[in-house]
Amino acid sequence: MTKPRNYQTEAIIIKKIKLGEADRILTLYTPHLGKIQAVAKGVRRPRSKMAGHLELLTHSLVSLARGRNIDTITGSQTINSFLPLKSDLELASYALYATELVNQFTADNIEDYPPV
């Protein structure tokens, strides 16, 4: 059975990379799909509606469309933005270090990866 073209998942954004003028490649850590990468088109534009929902250390409900090589984010809704964490410099540095560890020590696209 083939996987559906469009799907939704909860995710924490653990890495973002600039792509072109207005796009970003995001690394998402999900509870059931493991670590995945997806393109967020137009998210770097000033009037982007998804930009705030796709920031580092944000827990979001993300809608994705499967692509040949990489999935595309079609929508996003913030579940928790962890504002107290982001407002404390020491806590934010620990959290960013933890995301680097997760990114380095987990493989891409491993479904049902044990939770961290």
C-alpha atoms as a PDB file:
ATOM      1  CA  MET A   1       0.000   0.000   0.000  1.00  0.00           C
ATOM      2  CA  THR A   2       1.358   3.430  -0.924  1.00  0.00           C
ATOM      3  CA  LYS A   3       1.743   6.226   1.577  1.00  0.00           C
ATOM      4  CA  PRO A   4      -0.721   9.137   1.290  1.00  0.00           C
ATOM      5  CA  ARG A   5       0.503  12.181  -0.630  1.00  0.00           C
ATOM      6  CA  ASN A   6      -0.523  14.653   2.101  1.00  0.00           C
ATOM      7  CA  TYR A   7      -0.082  14.030   5.812  1.00  0.00           C
ATOM      8  CA  GLN A   8       0.104  15.822   9.162  1.00  0.00           C
ATOM      9  CA  THR A   9       2.429  15.253  12.080  1.00  0.00           C
ATOM     10  CA  GLU A  10       3.541  16.960  15.245  1.00  0.00           C
ATOM     11  CA  ALA A  11       7.155  18.079  15.100  1.00  0.00           C
ATOM     12  CA  ILE A  12       9.821  20.095  16.857  1.00  0.00           C
ATOM     13  CA  ILE A  13      11.978  22.185  14.536  1.00  0.00           C
ATOM     14  CA  ILE A  14      15.611  21.344  15.335  1.00  0.00           C
ATOM     15  CA  LYS A  15      17.494  22.906  12.407  1.00  0.00           C
ATOM     16  CA  LYS A  16      16.919  25.391   9.594  1.00  0.00           C
ATOM     17  CA  ILE A  17      18.979  26.102   6.480  1.00  0.00           C
ATOM     18  CA  LYS A  18      18.470  28.946   4.001  1.00  0.00           C
ATOM     19  CA  LEU A  19      17.490  27.862   0.494  1.00  0.00           C
ATOM     20  CA  GLY A  20      17.393  30.454  -2.256  1.00  0.00           C
ATOM     21  CA  GLU A  21      15.892  33.870  -1.551  1.00  0.00           C
ATOM     22  CA  ALA A  22      12.700  32.960   0.275  1.00  0.00           C
ATOM     23  CA  ASP A  23      12.785  29.271   1.213  1.00  0.00           C
ATOM     24  CA  ARG A  24      14.218  27.168   4.031  1.00  0.00           C
ATOM     25  CA  ILE A  25      15.037  23.511   4.523  1.00  0.00           C
ATOM     26  CA  LEU A  26      13.882  22.504   8.000  1.00  0.00           C
ATOM     27  CA  THR A  27      14.882  19.459   9.994  1.00  0.00           C
ATOM     28  CA  LEU A  28      11.927  18.228  12.024  1.00  0.00           C
ATOM     29  CA  TYR A  29      11.917  15.684  14.833  1.00  0.00           C
ATOM     30  CA  THR A  30       8.597  13.840  14.926  1.00  0.00           C
ATOM     31  CA  PRO A  31       7.236  11.215  17.330  1.00  0.00           C
ATOM     32  CA  HIS A  32       6.390   8.590  14.678  1.00  0.00           C
ATOM     33  CA  LEU A  33       8.474   9.464  11.598  1.00  0.00           C
ATOM     34  CA  GLY A  34      11.724  10.242  13.402  1.00  0.00           C
ATOM     35  CA  LYS A  35      13.933  12.967  11.964  1.00  0.00           C
ATOM     36  CA  ILE A  36      12.777  14.279   8.588  1.00  0.00           C
ATOM     37  CA  GLN A  37      13.694  17.178   6.342  1.00  0.00           C
ATOM     38  CA  ALA A  38      11.188  19.355   4.518  1.00  0.00           C
ATOM     39  CA  VAL A  39      11.171  22.519   2.419  1.00  0.00           C
ATOM     40  CA  ALA A  40       9.201  25.526   3.657  1.00  0.00           C
ATOM     41  CA  LYS A  41       8.543  27.625   0.566  1.00  0.00           C
ATOM     42  CA  GLY A  42       8.366  31.410   0.944  1.00  0.00           C
ATOM     43  CA  VAL A  43       8.871  31.291   4.698  1.00  0.00           C
ATOM     44  CA  ARG A  44      11.646  33.918   4.649  1.00  0.00           C
ATOM     45  CA  ARG A  45       9.417  36.540   3.053  1.00  0.00           C
ATOM     46  CA  PRO A  46       8.342  39.359   5.405  1.00  0.00           C
ATOM     47  CA  ARG A  47       4.625  38.618   4.947  1.00  0.00           C
ATOM     48  CA  SER A  48       4.870  34.847   5.350  1.00  0.00           C
ATOM     49  CA  LYS A  49       2.065  33.433   7.489  1.00  0.00           C
ATOM     50  CA  MET A  50       4.024  30.299   8.385  1.00  0.00           C
ATOM     51  CA  ALA A  51       7.280  31.963   9.496  1.00  0.00           C
ATOM     52  CA  GLY A  52       6.374  32.212  13.191  1.00  0.00           C
ATOM     53  CA  HIS A  53       5.149  28.627  13.306  1.00  0.00           C
ATOM     54  CA  LEU A  54       8.421  27.260  11.904  1.00  0.00           C
ATOM     55  CA  GLU A  55      11.069  28.739  14.199  1.00  0.00           C
ATOM     56  CA  LEU A  56      13.725  26.731  16.035  1.00  0.00           C
ATOM     57  CA  LEU A  57      12.553  25.007  19.234  1.00  0.00           C
ATOM     58  CA  THR A  58       8.881  25.325  18.286  1.00  0.00           C
ATOM     59  CA  HIS A  59       6.475  22.415  18.710  1.00  0.00           C
ATOM     60  CA  SER A  60       4.082  22.581  15.753  1.00  0.00           C
ATOM     61  CA  LEU A  61       1.445  20.590  13.927  1.00  0.00           C
ATOM     62  CA  VAL A  62       2.859  20.480  10.402  1.00  0.00           C
ATOM     63  CA  SER A  63       1.043  19.593   7.166  1.00  0.00           C
ATOM     64  CA  LEU A  64       3.310  18.119   4.509  1.00  0.00           C
ATOM     65  CA  ALA A  65       3.085  16.977   0.899  1.00  0.00           C
ATOM     66  CA  ARG A  66       5.375  14.166  -0.207  1.00  0.00           C
ATOM     67  CA  GLY A  67       7.877  15.061  -2.892  1.00  0.00           C
ATOM     68  CA  ARG A  68      10.278  13.014  -4.979  1.00  0.00           C
ATOM     69  CA  ASN A  69      13.351  13.866  -2.941  1.00  0.00           C
ATOM     70  CA  ILE A  70      12.124  16.044  -0.084  1.00  0.00           C
ATOM     71  CA  ASP A  71       8.705  16.794   1.374  1.00  0.00           C
ATOM     72  CA  THR A  72       7.148  20.278   1.244  1.00  0.00           C
ATOM     73  CA  ILE A  73       5.492  21.991   4.195  1.00  0.00           C
ATOM     74  CA  THR A  74       2.035  23.183   3.157  1.00  0.00           C
ATOM     75  CA  GLY A  75       0.800  24.458   6.517  1.00  0.00           C
ATOM     76  CA  SER A  76       1.728  24.771  10.154  1.00  0.00           C
ATOM     77  CA  GLN A  77       0.112  25.537  13.493  1.00  0.00           C
ATOM     78  CA  THR A  78       2.022  26.210  16.717  1.00  0.00           C
ATOM     79  CA  ILE A  79       1.275  23.889  19.619  1.00  0.00           C
ATOM     80  CA  ASN A  80       3.881  25.307  22.015  1.00  0.00           C
ATOM     81  CA  SER A  81       6.466  27.995  21.311  1.00  0.00           C
ATOM     82  CA  PHE A  82       8.348  27.539  24.625  1.00  0.00           C
ATOM     83  CA  LEU A  83       8.608  31.305  25.235  1.00  0.00           C
ATOM     84  CA  PRO A  84      10.063  31.005  28.787  1.00  0.00           C
ATOM     85  CA  LEU A  85      12.813  28.788  27.364  1.00  0.00           C
ATOM     86  CA  LYS A  86      13.607  31.221  24.550  1.00  0.00           C
ATOM     87  CA  SER A  87      13.629  34.267  26.846  1.00  0.00           C
ATOM     88  CA  ASP A  88      16.356  32.834  29.140  1.00  0.00           C
ATOM     89  CA  LEU A  89      19.747  32.860  27.398  1.00  0.00           C
ATOM     90  CA  GLU A  90      21.225  30.009  29.445  1.00  0.00           C
ATOM     91  CA  LEU A  91      18.183  27.742  28.964  1.00  0.00           C
ATOM     92  CA  ALA A  92      18.055  28.581  25.251  1.00  0.00           C
ATOM     93  CA  SER A  93      21.719  27.644  24.825  1.00  0.00           C
ATOM     94  CA  TYR A  94      21.123  24.279  26.555  1.00  0.00           C
ATOM     95  CA  ALA A  95      18.076  23.640  24.371  1.00  0.00           C
ATOM     96  CA  LEU A  96      19.958  24.485  21.169  1.00  0.00           C
ATOM     97  CA  TYR A  97      22.794  22.199  22.245  1.00  0.00           C
ATOM     98  CA  ALA A  98      20.257  19.410  22.814  1.00  0.00           C
ATOM     99  CA  THR A  99      18.826  19.934  19.306  1.00  0.00           C
ATOM    100  CA  GLU A 100      22.343  19.666  17.854  1.00  0.00           C
ATOM    101  CA  LEU A 101      22.829  16.374  19.698  1.00  0.00           C
ATOM    102  CA  VAL A 102      19.497  15.023  18.443  1.00  0.00           C
ATOM    103  CA  ASN A 103      20.354  16.110  14.906  1.00  0.00           C
ATOM    104  CA  GLN A 104      23.816  14.513  14.982  1.00  0.00           C
ATOM    105  CA  PHE A 105      22.909  11.238  16.695  1.00  0.00           C
ATOM    106  CA  THR A 106      19.641  10.295  14.976  1.00  0.00           C
ATOM    107  CA  ALA A 107      19.290   8.910  11.480  1.00  0.00           C
ATOM    108  CA  ASP A 108      16.918  10.401   8.911  1.00  0.00           C
ATOM    109  CA  ASN A 109      13.549   8.812   8.123  1.00  0.00           C
ATOM    110  CA  ILE A 110      13.552   6.083  10.778  1.00  0.00           C
ATOM    111  CA  GLU A 111       9.887   5.509  11.596  1.00  0.00           C
ATOM    112  CA  ASP A 112       8.842   4.926  15.220  1.00  0.00           C
ATOM    113  CA  TYR A 113      12.255   5.957  16.519  1.00  0.00           C
ATOM    114  CA  PRO A 114      12.336   5.733  20.336  1.00  0.00           C
ATOM    115  CA  PRO A 115      11.434   9.101  21.910  1.00  0.00           C
ATOM    116  CA  VAL A 116      14.175  11.210  23.421  1.00  0.00           C
END
